[in-house]
Amino acid sequence: MTISAPKMTIKRHLPWPLMALLWAVVVAVGAAAAVWTYQLGRNHLPGLQLQGDASEQVEQLSEQVKKLSAENERLQSASNASQNELKIAQSAQAQLATQVKNLEAEINRQKEDLAFFDSLLPTNLGAPGITIQRFKAEQAAPNQLRYRVLVMQGGGGTQQFAGNLQLSVNIVQGGKSAIINFPESNSTDLARYRLAFKYYQRVEGLLNIPEGATIKSVAVRVLDRGQVRAQQSVDL
């Protein structure tokens, strides 16, 4: 043994059973840490669910989608049915409004007929001859005039009367007065103005007035071979 001799290192040698136990503890701790990390990720990250759980969730979502689709179809069908019912109700309302309007016009005509038949009672027969019992004229449109005439033969109507109806419309156009006679001399619808009755006849129609003209009055005359048998006028 001299001063230049190499240094010595003393190492303690563990028995192999103790070393095996130590490695087992290390492996167990690592496995526990791995399991704890996986469970933590599974609880916080849905994407780390087991494949069986994921399939179950997909199936549940599919069932919910089917239920929502069925509910949507049901609501859509109910909406379509409501729209159809609304259209039917609107159509029925329009038809009823038209019927009411027609009934009102029919009631007015019935009133005129009632007044006429009242005039036929024995106390109101009047003298024989042609008279105009009712005459109404109103503007139906800016350039149209609607008229209604009820002509009667008094004295019980012993014979058939044949004649013509003539209307004269007094207008103002461009600051000037003018009279338009219907039917005109060259008219092609003379038949609508002919009269042929034993007791009474009602005549109604529309007259076309020049655009921009203002109607002042309307006169109606019953002609018998060119002679005036009765006449009446109204102001508008």
C-alpha atoms as a PDB file:
ATOM      1  CA  MET A   1       0.000   0.000   0.000  1.00  0.00           C
ATOM      2  CA  THR A   2       1.529   3.268  -1.133  1.00  0.00           C
ATOM      3  CA  ILE A   3       0.460   6.851  -1.462  1.00  0.00           C
ATOM      4  CA  SER A   4      -0.123   6.471  -5.260  1.00  0.00           C
ATOM      5  CA  ALA A   5      -2.579   3.611  -4.911  1.00  0.00           C
ATOM      6  CA  PRO A   6      -6.119   4.207  -6.678  1.00  0.00           C
ATOM      7  CA  LYS A   7      -9.193   5.302  -4.636  1.00  0.00           C
ATOM      8  CA  MET A   8     -11.658   2.703  -3.561  1.00  0.00           C
ATOM      9  CA  THR A   9     -15.486   3.100  -3.783  1.00  0.00           C
ATOM     10  CA  ILE A  10     -17.621   1.050  -1.491  1.00  0.00           C
ATOM     11  CA  LYS A  11     -21.122   0.149  -2.874  1.00  0.00           C
ATOM     12  CA  ARG A  12     -23.874  -1.454  -0.801  1.00  0.00           C
ATOM     13  CA  HIS A  13     -25.519  -4.365  -2.575  1.00  0.00           C
ATOM     14  CA  LEU A  14     -29.358  -4.798  -2.087  1.00  0.00           C
ATOM     15  CA  PRO A  15     -30.776  -8.259  -1.970  1.00  0.00           C
ATOM     16  CA  TRP A  16     -32.777  -9.241  -5.119  1.00  0.00           C
ATOM     17  CA  PRO A  17     -36.097  -9.786  -3.272  1.00  0.00           C
ATOM     18  CA  LEU A  18     -35.981  -6.207  -2.095  1.00  0.00           C
ATOM     19  CA  MET A  19     -35.189  -4.985  -5.607  1.00  0.00           C
ATOM     20  CA  ALA A  20     -38.143  -6.936  -7.033  1.00  0.00           C
ATOM     21  CA  LEU A  21     -40.496  -5.466  -4.447  1.00  0.00           C
ATOM     22  CA  LEU A  22     -39.223  -1.967  -5.256  1.00  0.00           C
ATOM     23  CA  TRP A  23     -39.864  -2.432  -9.006  1.00  0.00           C
ATOM     24  CA  ALA A  24     -43.333  -3.824  -8.291  1.00  0.00           C
ATOM     25  CA  VAL A  25     -44.177  -0.691  -6.276  1.00  0.00           C
ATOM     26  CA  VAL A  26     -42.957   1.553  -9.087  1.00  0.00           C
ATOM     27  CA  VAL A  27     -45.013  -0.303 -11.718  1.00  0.00           C
ATOM     28  CA  ALA A  28     -48.127  -0.212  -9.515  1.00  0.00           C
ATOM     29  CA  VAL A  29     -47.775   3.513  -8.932  1.00  0.00           C
ATOM     30  CA  GLY A  30     -47.356   4.110 -12.694  1.00  0.00           C
ATOM     31  CA  ALA A  31     -50.402   1.979 -13.531  1.00  0.00           C
ATOM     32  CA  ALA A  32     -52.497   3.780 -10.919  1.00  0.00           C
ATOM     33  CA  ALA A  33     -51.425   7.136 -12.314  1.00  0.00           C
ATOM     34  CA  ALA A  34     -52.340   6.011 -15.844  1.00  0.00           C
ATOM     35  CA  VAL A  35     -55.790   4.769 -14.752  1.00  0.00           C
ATOM     36  CA  TRP A  36     -56.446   8.010 -12.793  1.00  0.00           C
ATOM     37  CA  THR A  37     -55.443  10.123 -15.814  1.00  0.00           C
ATOM     38  CA  TYR A  38     -57.746   8.125 -18.131  1.00  0.00           C
ATOM     39  CA  GLN A  39     -60.719   8.383 -15.783  1.00  0.00           C
ATOM     40  CA  LEU A  40     -60.149  12.124 -15.394  1.00  0.00           C
ATOM     41  CA  GLY A  41     -60.075  12.577 -19.162  1.00  0.00           C
ATOM     42  CA  ARG A  42     -63.125  10.395 -19.614  1.00  0.00           C
ATOM     43  CA  ASN A  43     -65.147  12.492 -17.164  1.00  0.00           C
ATOM     44  CA  HIS A  44     -64.168  15.802 -18.736  1.00  0.00           C
ATOM     45  CA  LEU A  45     -63.775  14.969 -22.451  1.00  0.00           C
ATOM     46  CA  PRO A  46     -66.842  13.362 -24.195  1.00  0.00           C
ATOM     47  CA  GLY A  47     -64.626  12.254 -27.034  1.00  0.00           C
ATOM     48  CA  LEU A  48     -62.812   9.818 -24.750  1.00  0.00           C
ATOM     49  CA  GLN A  49     -65.916   7.760 -23.985  1.00  0.00           C
ATOM     50  CA  LEU A  50     -65.833   4.059 -24.582  1.00  0.00           C
ATOM     51  CA  GLN A  51     -66.992   2.941 -27.985  1.00  0.00           C
ATOM     52  CA  GLY A  52     -70.030   1.211 -26.502  1.00  0.00           C
ATOM     53  CA  ASP A  53     -71.167   4.369 -24.727  1.00  0.00           C
ATOM     54  CA  ALA A  54     -70.636   6.419 -27.930  1.00  0.00           C
ATOM     55  CA  SER A  55     -72.848   4.027 -29.935  1.00  0.00           C
ATOM     56  CA  GLU A  56     -75.544   4.288 -27.288  1.00  0.00           C
ATOM     57  CA  GLN A  57     -75.429   8.092 -27.397  1.00  0.00           C
ATOM     58  CA  VAL A  58     -75.604   8.130 -31.213  1.00  0.00           C
ATOM     59  CA  GLU A  59     -78.632   5.865 -31.052  1.00  0.00           C
ATOM     60  CA  GLN A  60     -80.324   8.144 -28.516  1.00  0.00           C
ATOM     61  CA  LEU A  61     -79.632  11.202 -30.667  1.00  0.00           C
ATOM     62  CA  SER A  62     -81.050   9.403 -33.711  1.00  0.00           C
ATOM     63  CA  GLU A  63     -84.230   8.648 -31.793  1.00  0.00           C
ATOM     64  CA  GLN A  64     -84.530  12.309 -30.779  1.00  0.00           C
ATOM     65  CA  VAL A  65     -84.039  13.405 -34.411  1.00  0.00           C
ATOM     66  CA  LYS A  66     -86.791  10.995 -35.524  1.00  0.00           C
ATOM     67  CA  LYS A  67     -89.159  12.316 -32.852  1.00  0.00           C
ATOM     68  CA  LEU A  68     -88.430  15.931 -33.774  1.00  0.00           C
ATOM     69  CA  SER A  69     -88.916  15.158 -37.491  1.00  0.00           C
ATOM     70  CA  ALA A  70     -92.258  13.494 -36.769  1.00  0.00           C
ATOM     71  CA  GLU A  71     -93.338  16.471 -34.639  1.00  0.00           C
ATOM     72  CA  ASN A  72     -92.293  18.873 -37.412  1.00  0.00           C
ATOM     73  CA  GLU A  73     -94.327  16.923 -39.975  1.00  0.00           C
ATOM     74  CA  ARG A  74     -97.342  16.946 -37.650  1.00  0.00           C
ATOM     75  CA  LEU A  75     -97.109  20.704 -37.128  1.00  0.00           C
ATOM     76  CA  GLN A  76     -96.637  21.277 -40.871  1.00  0.00           C
ATOM     77  CA  SER A  77     -99.743  19.213 -41.628  1.00  0.00           C
ATOM     78  CA  ALA A  78    -101.722  21.165 -39.033  1.00  0.00           C
ATOM     79  CA  SER A  79    -100.515  24.450 -40.539  1.00  0.00           C
ATOM     80  CA  ASN A  80    -101.523  23.357 -44.062  1.00  0.00           C
ATOM     81  CA  ALA A  81    -104.938  22.280 -42.797  1.00  0.00           C
ATOM     82  CA  SER A  82    -105.421  25.649 -41.067  1.00  0.00           C
ATOM     83  CA  GLN A  83    -104.475  27.517 -44.242  1.00  0.00           C
ATOM     84  CA  ASN A  84    -106.946  25.448 -46.281  1.00  0.00           C
ATOM     85  CA  GLU A  85    -109.705  26.102 -43.742  1.00  0.00           C
ATOM     86  CA  LEU A  86    -108.919  29.834 -43.855  1.00  0.00           C
ATOM     87  CA  LYS A  87    -109.133  29.881 -47.663  1.00  0.00           C
ATOM     88  CA  ILE A  88    -112.443  28.006 -47.556  1.00  0.00           C
ATOM     89  CA  ALA A  89    -113.799  30.453 -44.966  1.00  0.00           C
ATOM     90  CA  GLN A  90    -112.705  33.466 -47.038  1.00  0.00           C
ATOM     91  CA  SER A  91    -114.292  31.995 -50.173  1.00  0.00           C
ATOM     92  CA  ALA A  92    -117.524  31.280 -48.309  1.00  0.00           C
ATOM     93  CA  GLN A  93    -117.530  34.831 -46.924  1.00  0.00           C
ATOM     94  CA  ALA A  94    -117.104  36.296 -50.416  1.00  0.00           C
ATOM     95  CA  GLN A  95    -119.960  34.131 -51.727  1.00  0.00           C
ATOM     96  CA  LEU A  96    -122.200  35.201 -48.846  1.00  0.00           C
ATOM     97  CA  ALA A  97    -121.403  38.859 -49.514  1.00  0.00           C
ATOM     98  CA  THR A  98    -122.383  38.392 -53.171  1.00  0.00           C
ATOM     99  CA  GLN A  99    -125.598  36.628 -52.171  1.00  0.00           C
ATOM    100  CA  VAL A 100    -126.465  39.427 -49.728  1.00  0.00           C
ATOM    101  CA  LYS A 101    -125.906  42.006 -52.451  1.00  0.00           C
ATOM    102  CA  ASN A 102    -128.115  40.073 -54.879  1.00  0.00           C
ATOM    103  CA  LEU A 103    -130.811  39.670 -52.226  1.00  0.00           C
ATOM    104  CA  GLU A 104    -130.782  43.390 -51.515  1.00  0.00           C
ATOM    105  CA  ALA A 105    -131.272  44.116 -55.223  1.00  0.00           C
ATOM    106  CA  GLU A 106    -134.080  41.549 -55.365  1.00  0.00           C
ATOM    107  CA  ILE A 107    -135.755  43.097 -52.313  1.00  0.00           C
ATOM    108  CA  ASN A 108    -135.654  46.509 -53.971  1.00  0.00           C
ATOM    109  CA  ARG A 109    -137.287  45.058 -57.084  1.00  0.00           C
ATOM    110  CA  GLN A 110    -139.926  43.358 -54.937  1.00  0.00           C
ATOM    111  CA  LYS A 111    -140.676  46.663 -53.260  1.00  0.00           C
ATOM    112  CA  GLU A 112    -141.172  48.293 -56.628  1.00  0.00           C
ATOM    113  CA  ASP A 113    -143.478  45.451 -57.702  1.00  0.00           C
ATOM    114  CA  LEU A 114    -145.417  45.736 -54.436  1.00  0.00           C
ATOM    115  CA  ALA A 115    -145.916  49.444 -54.976  1.00  0.00           C
ATOM    116  CA  PHE A 116    -147.062  48.729 -58.506  1.00  0.00           C
ATOM    117  CA  PHE A 117    -149.570  46.058 -57.476  1.00  0.00           C
ATOM    118  CA  ASP A 118    -150.887  48.388 -54.777  1.00  0.00           C
ATOM    119  CA  SER A 119    -151.631  50.834 -57.558  1.00  0.00           C
ATOM    120  CA  LEU A 120    -153.641  48.124 -59.349  1.00  0.00           C
ATOM    121  CA  LEU A 121    -156.191  47.841 -56.535  1.00  0.00           C
ATOM    122  CA  PRO A 122    -159.731  48.898 -57.543  1.00  0.00           C
ATOM    123  CA  THR A 123    -159.472  52.111 -55.507  1.00  0.00           C
ATOM    124  CA  ASN A 124    -156.278  53.102 -57.309  1.00  0.00           C
ATOM    125  CA  LEU A 125    -156.900  51.995 -60.872  1.00  0.00           C
ATOM    126  CA  GLY A 126    -156.739  55.535 -62.137  1.00  0.00           C
ATOM    127  CA  ALA A 127    -157.729  56.788 -65.539  1.00  0.00           C
ATOM    128  CA  PRO A 128    -156.894  54.730 -68.611  1.00  0.00           C
ATOM    129  CA  GLY A 129    -153.568  55.569 -70.170  1.00  0.00           C
ATOM    130  CA  ILE A 130    -149.820  55.059 -69.951  1.00  0.00           C
ATOM    131  CA  THR A 131    -148.012  56.322 -66.870  1.00  0.00           C
ATOM    132  CA  ILE A 132    -144.472  56.080 -65.515  1.00  0.00           C
ATOM    133  CA  GLN A 133    -144.830  54.712 -61.995  1.00  0.00           C
ATOM    134  CA  ARG A 134    -141.148  54.545 -61.062  1.00  0.00           C
ATOM    135  CA  PHE A 135    -138.056  56.164 -62.554  1.00  0.00           C
ATOM    136  CA  LYS A 136    -134.608  56.038 -60.964  1.00  0.00           C
ATOM    137  CA  ALA A 137    -131.250  57.107 -62.363  1.00  0.00           C
ATOM    138  CA  GLU A 138    -127.848  56.962 -60.698  1.00  0.00           C
ATOM    139  CA  GLN A 139    -124.236  57.144 -61.781  1.00  0.00           C
ATOM    140  CA  ALA A 140    -122.765  53.633 -61.751  1.00  0.00           C
ATOM    141  CA  ALA A 141    -119.271  54.661 -62.937  1.00  0.00           C
ATOM    142  CA  PRO A 142    -117.501  57.868 -64.018  1.00  0.00           C
ATOM    143  CA  ASN A 143    -118.827  57.361 -67.562  1.00  0.00           C
ATOM    144  CA  GLN A 144    -121.894  55.168 -66.960  1.00  0.00           C
ATOM    145  CA  LEU A 145    -125.474  55.891 -65.904  1.00  0.00           C
ATOM    146  CA  ARG A 146    -127.810  53.233 -64.513  1.00  0.00           C
ATOM    147  CA  TYR A 147    -131.568  53.661 -64.999  1.00  0.00           C
ATOM    148  CA  ARG A 148    -134.730  51.788 -63.914  1.00  0.00           C
ATOM    149  CA  VAL A 149    -138.186  52.516 -65.312  1.00  0.00           C
ATOM    150  CA  LEU A 150    -141.565  50.998 -64.426  1.00  0.00           C
ATOM    151  CA  VAL A 151    -144.264  51.779 -67.002  1.00  0.00           C
ATOM    152  CA  MET A 152    -147.938  50.994 -66.340  1.00  0.00           C
ATOM    153  CA  GLN A 153    -151.162  51.014 -68.313  1.00  0.00           C
ATOM    154  CA  GLY A 154    -154.122  52.251 -66.249  1.00  0.00           C
ATOM    155  CA  GLY A 155    -157.793  51.430 -66.519  1.00  0.00           C
ATOM    156  CA  GLY A 156    -157.338  47.663 -66.202  1.00  0.00           C
ATOM    157  CA  GLY A 157    -155.155  47.222 -69.277  1.00  0.00           C
ATOM    158  CA  THR A 158    -157.830  46.395 -71.798  1.00  0.00           C
ATOM    159  CA  GLN A 159    -155.449  46.094 -74.746  1.00  0.00           C
ATOM    160  CA  GLN A 160    -151.807  45.467 -75.523  1.00  0.00           C
ATOM    161  CA  PHE A 161    -149.594  48.530 -75.638  1.00  0.00           C
ATOM    162  CA  ALA A 162    -146.656  48.764 -78.050  1.00  0.00           C
ATOM    163  CA  GLY A 163    -144.264  51.683 -78.043  1.00  0.00           C
ATOM    164  CA  ASN A 164    -140.733  52.829 -77.339  1.00  0.00           C
ATOM    165  CA  LEU A 165    -138.738  54.225 -74.476  1.00  0.00           C
ATOM    166  CA  GLN A 166    -136.499  57.259 -74.921  1.00  0.00           C
ATOM    167  CA  LEU A 167    -134.007  58.730 -72.462  1.00  0.00           C
ATOM    168  CA  SER A 168    -132.368  62.165 -72.625  1.00  0.00           C
ATOM    169  CA  VAL A 169    -129.286  62.927 -70.538  1.00  0.00           C
ATOM    170  CA  ASN A 170    -128.420  66.562 -69.884  1.00  0.00           C
ATOM    171  CA  ILE A 171    -124.634  66.911 -69.452  1.00  0.00           C
ATOM    172  CA  VAL A 172    -121.961  69.598 -69.130  1.00  0.00           C
ATOM    173  CA  GLN A 173    -118.653  68.950 -70.868  1.00  0.00           C
ATOM    174  CA  GLY A 174    -115.853  71.446 -71.371  1.00  0.00           C
ATOM    175  CA  GLY A 175    -118.017  74.203 -69.927  1.00  0.00           C
ATOM    176  CA  LYS A 176    -120.774  73.599 -72.507  1.00  0.00           C
ATOM    177  CA  SER A 177    -124.212  72.042 -72.022  1.00  0.00           C
ATOM    178  CA  ALA A 178    -125.420  69.228 -74.263  1.00  0.00           C
ATOM    179  CA  ILE A 179    -128.232  66.684 -74.459  1.00  0.00           C
ATOM    180  CA  ILE A 180    -127.623  63.060 -75.426  1.00  0.00           C
ATOM    181  CA  ASN A 181    -130.641  61.009 -76.523  1.00  0.00           C
ATOM    182  CA  PHE A 182    -130.874  57.224 -76.141  1.00  0.00           C
ATOM    183  CA  PRO A 183    -131.324  55.328 -78.345  1.00  0.00           C
ATOM    184  CA  GLU A 184    -129.363  57.253 -80.935  1.00  0.00           C
ATOM    185  CA  SER A 185    -130.630  57.402 -84.497  1.00  0.00           C
ATOM    186  CA  ASN A 186    -128.017  54.958 -85.761  1.00  0.00           C
ATOM    187  CA  SER A 187    -128.154  52.653 -82.712  1.00  0.00           C
ATOM    188  CA  THR A 188    -128.050  48.899 -83.260  1.00  0.00           C
ATOM    189  CA  ASP A 189    -129.737  47.971 -79.943  1.00  0.00           C
ATOM    190  CA  LEU A 190    -133.205  49.458 -80.470  1.00  0.00           C
ATOM    191  CA  ALA A 191    -134.815  46.287 -79.132  1.00  0.00           C
ATOM    192  CA  ARG A 192    -133.810  47.084 -75.545  1.00  0.00           C
ATOM    193  CA  TYR A 193    -135.899  50.280 -75.694  1.00  0.00           C
ATOM    194  CA  ARG A 194    -139.084  48.691 -77.097  1.00  0.00           C
ATOM    195  CA  LEU A 195    -142.203  48.415 -74.950  1.00  0.00           C
ATOM    196  CA  ALA A 196    -144.838  45.711 -75.331  1.00  0.00           C
ATOM    197  CA  PHE A 197    -147.156  45.001 -72.379  1.00  0.00           C
ATOM    198  CA  LYS A 198    -150.775  44.876 -71.259  1.00  0.00           C
ATOM    199  CA  TYR A 199    -150.424  45.808 -67.582  1.00  0.00           C
ATOM    200  CA  TYR A 200    -146.872  46.915 -66.866  1.00  0.00           C
ATOM    201  CA  GLN A 201    -143.255  46.568 -67.979  1.00  0.00           C
ATOM    202  CA  ARG A 202    -140.007  47.218 -66.167  1.00  0.00           C
ATOM    203  CA  VAL A 203    -136.948  48.383 -68.122  1.00  0.00           C
ATOM    204  CA  GLU A 204    -133.430  48.856 -66.763  1.00  0.00           C
ATOM    205  CA  GLY A 205    -129.936  49.199 -68.183  1.00  0.00           C
ATOM    206  CA  LEU A 206    -126.709  51.193 -68.457  1.00  0.00           C
ATOM    207  CA  LEU A 207    -125.987  54.266 -70.586  1.00  0.00           C
ATOM    208  CA  ASN A 208    -122.467  55.182 -71.685  1.00  0.00           C
ATOM    209  CA  ILE A 209    -121.664  58.839 -71.084  1.00  0.00           C
ATOM    210  CA  PRO A 210    -118.705  60.693 -72.700  1.00  0.00           C
ATOM    211  CA  GLU A 211    -115.628  60.707 -70.509  1.00  0.00           C
ATOM    212  CA  GLY A 212    -115.205  63.864 -68.454  1.00  0.00           C
ATOM    213  CA  ALA A 213    -118.888  64.841 -68.757  1.00  0.00           C
ATOM    214  CA  THR A 214    -120.949  65.884 -65.727  1.00  0.00           C
ATOM    215  CA  ILE A 215    -124.538  64.611 -65.619  1.00  0.00           C
ATOM    216  CA  LYS A 216    -127.082  67.232 -64.595  1.00  0.00           C
ATOM    217  CA  SER A 217    -130.441  65.542 -65.176  1.00  0.00           C
ATOM    218  CA  VAL A 218    -132.083  62.604 -66.927  1.00  0.00           C
ATOM    219  CA  ALA A 219    -135.507  62.481 -68.590  1.00  0.00           C
ATOM    220  CA  VAL A 220    -137.472  59.462 -69.752  1.00  0.00           C
ATOM    221  CA  ARG A 221    -140.350  59.429 -72.247  1.00  0.00           C
ATOM    222  CA  VAL A 222    -142.794  56.775 -73.459  1.00  0.00           C
ATOM    223  CA  LEU A 223    -143.433  57.156 -77.193  1.00  0.00           C
ATOM    224  CA  ASP A 224    -146.350  55.740 -79.160  1.00  0.00           C
ATOM    225  CA  ARG A 225    -145.734  56.066 -82.906  1.00  0.00           C
ATOM    226  CA  GLY A 226    -143.594  59.123 -82.240  1.00  0.00           C
ATOM    227  CA  GLN A 227    -146.097  60.731 -79.855  1.00  0.00           C
ATOM    228  CA  VAL A 228    -145.199  61.267 -76.176  1.00  0.00           C
ATOM    229  CA  ARG A 229    -147.604  59.329 -73.945  1.00  0.00           C
ATOM    230  CA  ALA A 230    -145.792  59.853 -70.622  1.00  0.00           C
ATOM    231  CA  GLN A 231    -142.596  61.457 -69.364  1.00  0.00           C
ATOM    232  CA  GLN A 232    -140.663  62.054 -66.162  1.00  0.00           C
ATOM    233  CA  SER A 233    -137.256  63.489 -65.179  1.00  0.00           C
ATOM    234  CA  VAL A 234    -134.835  63.415 -62.248  1.00  0.00           C
ATOM    235  CA  ASP A 235    -131.912  65.624 -61.253  1.00  0.00           C
ATOM    236  CA  LEU A 236    -128.541  64.186 -60.340  1.00  0.00           C
END
